[in-house]
Amino acid sequence: MASQKMAVGPSDPPTTLGETGATLWRSIMAEYEISDSGGLTLLEQACCAADRAKECSDIITVDGSMISTKHGPKDHPLLRHELAARSFVVRTIGRLGLDVEPVRSGPGRPPGTLAYKGRRYAD
């Protein structure tokens, strides 16, 4: 687990993040208000997973998605790790509720209508 070393400002990414994770952190913090320790921890873990997915992707790009073995060609072993990291990022973003419309400072939808709730309205 990455330590909670925070940079200067509250929206600055933790110093433990790489370029991809820090970019994701800044992007999310620019659109959403996350200030609770649980939310910040989840966001940091999602950003760490984004860094890991990028690391795997870079290696796969160099090696190719298929590798040769003595038994013939096989999928690169990092493909499953890249997919797992990307899946973790997407699931965590959903758990944080960031897959709905971001907080806006100007005109937009009225409060309480950020996401479809599955209700049917009478005609």
N, C-alpha and C. Protein backbone atom coordinates (compact mmCIF):
# COMPACT_ATOMS: atom_id res chain seq x y z
N MET A 1 0.85 -1.17 0.00
CA MET A 1 0.00 0.00 0.00
C MET A 1 0.89 1.23 0.00
N ALA A 2 0.57 2.20 -0.82
CA ALA A 2 1.37 3.42 -0.91
C ALA A 2 1.12 4.28 0.32
N SER A 3 2.14 5.00 0.73
CA SER A 3 1.98 5.88 1.88
C SER A 3 1.19 7.11 1.47
N GLN A 4 0.60 7.78 2.43
CA GLN A 4 -0.22 8.94 2.18
C GLN A 4 0.59 10.22 2.20
N LYS A 5 1.70 10.28 1.51
CA LYS A 5 2.48 11.50 1.42
C LYS A 5 1.77 12.43 0.46
N MET A 6 1.30 13.53 0.97
CA MET A 6 0.59 14.47 0.13
C MET A 6 1.52 15.60 -0.27
N ALA A 7 1.29 16.16 -1.43
CA ALA A 7 2.07 17.29 -1.90
C ALA A 7 1.56 18.57 -1.23
N VAL A 8 1.97 19.71 -1.71
CA VAL A 8 1.71 20.99 -1.08
C VAL A 8 0.22 21.27 -0.88
N GLY A 9 -0.57 21.23 -1.95
CA GLY A 9 -1.99 21.55 -1.86
C GLY A 9 -2.84 20.30 -1.77
N PRO A 10 -4.11 20.46 -1.31
CA PRO A 10 -4.99 19.29 -1.16
C PRO A 10 -5.32 18.62 -2.48
N SER A 11 -5.28 19.33 -3.59
CA SER A 11 -5.58 18.70 -4.88
C SER A 11 -4.33 18.22 -5.60
N ASP A 12 -3.15 18.47 -5.02
CA ASP A 12 -1.91 17.97 -5.60
C ASP A 12 -1.80 16.47 -5.37
N PRO A 13 -1.27 15.73 -6.35
CA PRO A 13 -1.18 14.28 -6.19
C PRO A 13 -0.15 13.88 -5.15
N PRO A 14 -0.34 12.73 -4.51
CA PRO A 14 0.66 12.22 -3.58
C PRO A 14 2.00 12.04 -4.30
N THR A 15 3.07 12.21 -3.60
CA THR A 15 4.40 12.10 -4.20
C THR A 15 4.72 10.66 -4.61
N THR A 16 3.93 9.70 -4.17
CA THR A 16 4.15 8.29 -4.50
C THR A 16 3.70 7.93 -5.91
N LEU A 17 2.97 8.81 -6.57
CA LEU A 17 2.42 8.50 -7.89
C LEU A 17 3.40 8.81 -9.01
N GLY A 18 3.29 8.01 -10.07
CA GLY A 18 4.05 8.27 -11.29
C GLY A 18 3.30 9.26 -12.16
N GLU A 19 3.79 9.46 -13.36
CA GLU A 19 3.19 10.45 -14.26
C GLU A 19 1.73 10.15 -14.61
N THR A 20 1.43 8.90 -14.96
CA THR A 20 0.07 8.52 -15.33
C THR A 20 -0.89 8.68 -14.16
N GLY A 21 -0.49 8.18 -12.99
CA GLY A 21 -1.33 8.29 -11.81
C GLY A 21 -1.54 9.73 -11.38
N ALA A 22 -0.48 10.53 -11.44
CA ALA A 22 -0.58 11.94 -11.05
C ALA A 22 -1.51 12.70 -12.01
N THR A 23 -1.44 12.36 -13.29
CA THR A 23 -2.32 13.00 -14.27
C THR A 23 -3.78 12.64 -13.98
N LEU A 24 -4.04 11.37 -13.69
CA LEU A 24 -5.39 10.95 -13.35
C LEU A 24 -5.87 11.66 -12.09
N TRP A 25 -5.01 11.75 -11.07
CA TRP A 25 -5.34 12.43 -9.81
C TRP A 25 -5.75 13.88 -10.09
N ARG A 26 -4.91 14.61 -10.83
CA ARG A 26 -5.20 16.02 -11.10
C ARG A 26 -6.50 16.18 -11.89
N SER A 27 -6.73 15.28 -12.84
CA SER A 27 -7.94 15.34 -13.65
C SER A 27 -9.19 15.15 -12.79
N ILE A 28 -9.15 14.16 -11.93
CA ILE A 28 -10.31 13.89 -11.06
C ILE A 28 -10.51 15.00 -10.04
N MET A 29 -9.43 15.46 -9.43
CA MET A 29 -9.55 16.51 -8.41
C MET A 29 -10.01 17.84 -9.01
N ALA A 30 -9.77 18.04 -10.32
CA ALA A 30 -10.23 19.26 -10.99
C ALA A 30 -11.74 19.23 -11.21
N GLU A 31 -12.32 18.03 -11.30
CA GLU A 31 -13.74 17.89 -11.60
C GLU A 31 -14.61 17.53 -10.40
N TYR A 32 -14.02 16.93 -9.38
CA TYR A 32 -14.79 16.45 -8.23
C TYR A 32 -14.19 16.95 -6.93
N GLU A 33 -15.02 17.01 -5.92
CA GLU A 33 -14.57 17.42 -4.59
C GLU A 33 -14.43 16.18 -3.71
N ILE A 34 -13.21 15.73 -3.53
CA ILE A 34 -12.93 14.59 -2.66
C ILE A 34 -12.05 15.09 -1.53
N SER A 35 -12.54 15.00 -0.31
CA SER A 35 -11.77 15.52 0.82
C SER A 35 -11.68 14.54 1.99
N ASP A 36 -12.51 13.51 1.99
CA ASP A 36 -12.48 12.55 3.10
C ASP A 36 -11.32 11.58 2.93
N SER A 37 -10.80 11.10 4.05
CA SER A 37 -9.62 10.24 4.01
C SER A 37 -9.88 8.94 3.26
N GLY A 38 -11.07 8.37 3.38
CA GLY A 38 -11.40 7.14 2.66
C GLY A 38 -11.41 7.36 1.16
N GLY A 39 -12.04 8.42 0.73
CA GLY A 39 -12.09 8.74 -0.69
C GLY A 39 -10.72 9.03 -1.26
N LEU A 40 -9.90 9.77 -0.51
CA LEU A 40 -8.54 10.08 -0.96
C LEU A 40 -7.69 8.82 -1.06
N THR A 41 -7.88 7.90 -0.11
CA THR A 41 -7.13 6.64 -0.14
C THR A 41 -7.54 5.80 -1.35
N LEU A 42 -8.85 5.71 -1.60
CA LEU A 42 -9.32 4.97 -2.78
C LEU A 42 -8.80 5.59 -4.06
N LEU A 43 -8.83 6.91 -4.13
CA LEU A 43 -8.33 7.60 -5.32
C LEU A 43 -6.84 7.34 -5.51
N GLU A 44 -6.08 7.38 -4.42
CA GLU A 44 -4.65 7.12 -4.53
C GLU A 44 -4.39 5.70 -5.03
N GLN A 45 -5.14 4.73 -4.52
CA GLN A 45 -4.96 3.35 -4.96
C GLN A 45 -5.33 3.18 -6.43
N ALA A 46 -6.39 3.86 -6.86
CA ALA A 46 -6.76 3.81 -8.28
C ALA A 46 -5.66 4.41 -9.15
N CYS A 47 -5.07 5.50 -8.68
CA CYS A 47 -4.00 6.15 -9.44
C CYS A 47 -2.74 5.28 -9.46
N CYS A 48 -2.46 4.58 -8.37
CA CYS A 48 -1.32 3.64 -8.34
C CYS A 48 -1.56 2.51 -9.35
N ALA A 49 -2.80 2.04 -9.42
CA ALA A 49 -3.14 0.98 -10.38
C ALA A 49 -3.02 1.50 -11.81
N ALA A 50 -3.35 2.77 -12.04
CA ALA A 50 -3.19 3.36 -13.37
C ALA A 50 -1.71 3.39 -13.75
N ASP A 51 -0.86 3.71 -12.77
CA ASP A 51 0.59 3.67 -13.01
C ASP A 51 1.04 2.26 -13.38
N ARG A 52 0.53 1.26 -12.65
CA ARG A 52 0.91 -0.13 -12.90
C ARG A 52 0.43 -0.58 -14.28
N ALA A 53 -0.79 -0.20 -14.65
CA ALA A 53 -1.31 -0.56 -15.98
C ALA A 53 -0.44 0.05 -17.07
N LYS A 54 -0.01 1.28 -16.88
CA LYS A 54 0.86 1.95 -17.87
C LYS A 54 2.21 1.25 -17.94
N GLU A 55 2.75 0.86 -16.80
CA GLU A 55 4.03 0.13 -16.77
C GLU A 55 3.92 -1.18 -17.56
N CYS A 56 2.85 -1.92 -17.31
CA CYS A 56 2.63 -3.18 -18.04
C CYS A 56 2.45 -2.91 -19.52
N SER A 57 1.68 -1.89 -19.86
CA SER A 57 1.43 -1.55 -21.25
C SER A 57 2.72 -1.20 -21.99
N ASP A 58 3.60 -0.46 -21.32
CA ASP A 58 4.88 -0.09 -21.94
C ASP A 58 5.73 -1.32 -22.24
N ILE A 59 5.75 -2.26 -21.31
CA ILE A 59 6.53 -3.49 -21.51
C ILE A 59 5.93 -4.32 -22.64
N ILE A 60 4.60 -4.42 -22.67
CA ILE A 60 3.91 -5.17 -23.71
C ILE A 60 4.15 -4.54 -25.08
N THR A 61 4.18 -3.22 -25.13
CA THR A 61 4.45 -2.53 -26.39
C THR A 61 5.82 -2.91 -26.94
N VAL A 62 6.81 -3.01 -26.07
CA VAL A 62 8.16 -3.38 -26.49
C VAL A 62 8.23 -4.86 -26.88
N ASP A 63 7.66 -5.73 -26.04
CA ASP A 63 7.76 -7.18 -26.25
C ASP A 63 6.77 -7.71 -27.28
N GLY A 64 5.65 -7.04 -27.43
CA GLY A 64 4.56 -7.53 -28.28
C GLY A 64 3.52 -8.24 -27.42
N SER A 65 2.29 -8.28 -27.90
CA SER A 65 1.23 -8.91 -27.11
C SER A 65 1.30 -10.43 -27.12
N MET A 66 2.04 -10.97 -28.09
CA MET A 66 2.28 -12.41 -28.15
C MET A 66 3.78 -12.65 -27.98
N ILE A 67 4.12 -13.65 -27.19
CA ILE A 67 5.53 -14.00 -27.00
C ILE A 67 5.76 -15.44 -27.48
N SER A 68 6.97 -15.72 -27.87
CA SER A 68 7.32 -17.07 -28.32
C SER A 68 7.83 -17.87 -27.13
N THR A 69 7.32 -19.08 -27.00
CA THR A 69 7.80 -19.99 -25.96
C THR A 69 8.20 -21.29 -26.67
N LYS A 70 8.77 -22.20 -25.92
CA LYS A 70 9.16 -23.48 -26.53
C LYS A 70 7.94 -24.29 -26.97
N HIS A 71 6.75 -23.92 -26.47
CA HIS A 71 5.51 -24.60 -26.84
C HIS A 71 4.71 -23.81 -27.87
N GLY A 72 5.32 -22.74 -28.40
CA GLY A 72 4.64 -21.92 -29.40
C GLY A 72 4.26 -20.56 -28.86
N PRO A 73 3.58 -19.74 -29.66
CA PRO A 73 3.21 -18.39 -29.23
C PRO A 73 2.15 -18.41 -28.13
N LYS A 74 2.30 -17.48 -27.22
CA LYS A 74 1.35 -17.33 -26.11
C LYS A 74 1.11 -15.86 -25.87
N ASP A 75 -0.02 -15.56 -25.22
CA ASP A 75 -0.28 -14.18 -24.80
C ASP A 75 0.81 -13.74 -23.84
N HIS A 76 1.16 -12.47 -23.93
CA HIS A 76 2.15 -11.92 -23.00
C HIS A 76 1.58 -12.05 -21.58
N PRO A 77 2.37 -12.52 -20.62
CA PRO A 77 1.86 -12.70 -19.25
C PRO A 77 1.39 -11.41 -18.59
N LEU A 78 1.93 -10.27 -19.02
CA LEU A 78 1.52 -9.00 -18.41
C LEU A 78 0.17 -8.50 -18.90
N LEU A 79 -0.37 -9.11 -19.96
CA LEU A 79 -1.69 -8.69 -20.44
C LEU A 79 -2.74 -8.80 -19.35
N ARG A 80 -2.72 -9.92 -18.62
CA ARG A 80 -3.73 -10.10 -17.57
C ARG A 80 -3.53 -9.12 -16.41
N HIS A 81 -2.27 -8.78 -16.13
CA HIS A 81 -2.00 -7.82 -15.06
C HIS A 81 -2.41 -6.40 -15.47
N GLU A 82 -2.18 -6.07 -16.72
CA GLU A 82 -2.61 -4.77 -17.23
C GLU A 82 -4.14 -4.66 -17.16
N LEU A 83 -4.82 -5.70 -17.61
CA LEU A 83 -6.28 -5.71 -17.58
C LEU A 83 -6.81 -5.62 -16.15
N ALA A 84 -6.19 -6.35 -15.23
CA ALA A 84 -6.62 -6.32 -13.82
C ALA A 84 -6.44 -4.92 -13.24
N ALA A 85 -5.32 -4.26 -13.55
CA ALA A 85 -5.08 -2.91 -13.04
C ALA A 85 -6.09 -1.94 -13.62
N ARG A 86 -6.35 -2.04 -14.92
CA ARG A 86 -7.33 -1.15 -15.54
C ARG A 86 -8.72 -1.39 -14.97
N SER A 87 -9.07 -2.64 -14.75
CA SER A 87 -10.36 -2.98 -14.17
C SER A 87 -10.50 -2.41 -12.76
N PHE A 88 -9.41 -2.49 -11.98
CA PHE A 88 -9.43 -1.92 -10.63
C PHE A 88 -9.67 -0.41 -10.68
N VAL A 89 -9.03 0.27 -11.61
CA VAL A 89 -9.22 1.71 -11.74
C VAL A 89 -10.68 2.03 -12.03
N VAL A 90 -11.26 1.32 -12.99
CA VAL A 90 -12.65 1.58 -13.38
C VAL A 90 -13.61 1.27 -12.22
N ARG A 91 -13.41 0.15 -11.54
CA ARG A 91 -14.28 -0.21 -10.41
C ARG A 91 -14.16 0.81 -9.28
N THR A 92 -12.95 1.25 -9.00
CA THR A 92 -12.75 2.21 -7.91
C THR A 92 -13.36 3.56 -8.25
N ILE A 93 -13.23 3.98 -9.50
CA ILE A 93 -13.88 5.23 -9.92
C ILE A 93 -15.40 5.11 -9.72
N GLY A 94 -15.95 3.95 -10.03
CA GLY A 94 -17.38 3.72 -9.81
C GLY A 94 -17.74 3.74 -8.33
N ARG A 95 -16.92 3.12 -7.50
CA ARG A 95 -17.18 3.10 -6.05
C ARG A 95 -17.11 4.49 -5.45
N LEU A 96 -16.27 5.33 -6.02
CA LEU A 96 -16.18 6.71 -5.54
C LEU A 96 -17.33 7.57 -6.06
N GLY A 97 -18.11 7.02 -6.98
CA GLY A 97 -19.23 7.77 -7.55
C GLY A 97 -18.78 8.77 -8.60
N LEU A 98 -17.59 8.55 -9.17
CA LEU A 98 -17.06 9.50 -10.14
C LEU A 98 -17.49 9.20 -11.56
N ASP A 99 -18.35 8.21 -11.70
CA ASP A 99 -18.86 7.89 -13.03
C ASP A 99 -20.18 8.61 -13.31
N VAL A 100 -20.49 9.59 -12.46
CA VAL A 100 -21.65 10.45 -12.67
C VAL A 100 -21.14 11.85 -12.98
N GLU A 101 -22.04 12.73 -13.28
CA GLU A 101 -21.67 14.09 -13.67
C GLU A 101 -20.91 14.80 -12.55
N PRO A 102 -19.80 15.49 -12.86
CA PRO A 102 -19.03 16.19 -11.84
C PRO A 102 -19.75 17.40 -11.27
N VAL A 103 -19.29 17.86 -10.11
CA VAL A 103 -19.82 19.05 -9.47
C VAL A 103 -19.54 20.25 -10.37
N ARG A 104 -20.53 21.08 -10.56
CA ARG A 104 -20.39 22.26 -11.42
C ARG A 104 -20.59 23.53 -10.58
N SER A 105 -19.87 24.56 -10.93
CA SER A 105 -20.02 25.82 -10.21
C SER A 105 -21.05 26.72 -10.87
N GLY A 106 -21.48 26.40 -12.08
CA GLY A 106 -22.42 27.25 -12.81
C GLY A 106 -23.72 26.54 -13.07
N PRO A 107 -24.46 27.03 -14.05
CA PRO A 107 -25.75 26.42 -14.40
C PRO A 107 -25.60 24.97 -14.82
N GLY A 108 -26.63 24.22 -14.60
CA GLY A 108 -26.62 22.80 -14.95
C GLY A 108 -27.84 22.13 -14.39
N ARG A 109 -27.76 20.86 -14.17
CA ARG A 109 -28.88 20.12 -13.59
C ARG A 109 -29.13 20.58 -12.16
N PRO A 110 -30.38 20.52 -11.73
CA PRO A 110 -30.67 20.84 -10.33
C PRO A 110 -30.09 19.76 -9.41
N PRO A 111 -29.80 20.09 -8.16
CA PRO A 111 -29.25 19.10 -7.21
C PRO A 111 -30.16 17.88 -7.10
N GLY A 112 -29.54 16.73 -6.91
CA GLY A 112 -30.29 15.50 -6.69
C GLY A 112 -30.63 14.75 -7.96
N THR A 113 -30.20 15.24 -9.12
CA THR A 113 -30.51 14.55 -10.37
C THR A 113 -29.23 14.16 -11.11
N LEU A 114 -28.19 13.82 -10.37
CA LEU A 114 -26.90 13.50 -10.98
C LEU A 114 -26.89 12.18 -11.72
N ALA A 115 -27.68 11.24 -11.32
CA ALA A 115 -27.63 9.93 -11.97
C ALA A 115 -29.04 9.34 -12.06
N TYR A 116 -29.23 8.50 -13.02
CA TYR A 116 -30.49 7.79 -13.18
C TYR A 116 -30.67 6.84 -12.02
N LYS A 117 -31.79 6.88 -11.36
CA LYS A 117 -32.04 6.06 -10.17
C LYS A 117 -32.89 4.83 -10.46
N GLY A 118 -33.25 4.61 -11.71
CA GLY A 118 -34.04 3.44 -12.05
C GLY A 118 -35.52 3.61 -11.79
N ARG A 119 -35.97 4.84 -11.54
CA ARG A 119 -37.39 5.07 -11.28
C ARG A 119 -38.14 5.34 -12.58
N ARG A 120 -39.36 4.91 -12.62
CA ARG A 120 -40.22 5.21 -13.76
C ARG A 120 -41.13 6.35 -13.35
N TYR A 121 -41.31 7.24 -14.25
CA TYR A 121 -42.17 8.41 -13.97
C TYR A 121 -43.54 8.20 -14.59
N ALA A 122 -44.57 8.68 -13.89
CA ALA A 122 -45.94 8.55 -14.38
C ALA A 122 -46.15 9.52 -15.53
N ASP A 123 -46.98 9.12 -16.48
CA ASP A 123 -47.27 9.99 -17.64
C ASP A 123 -48.25 11.04 -17.28
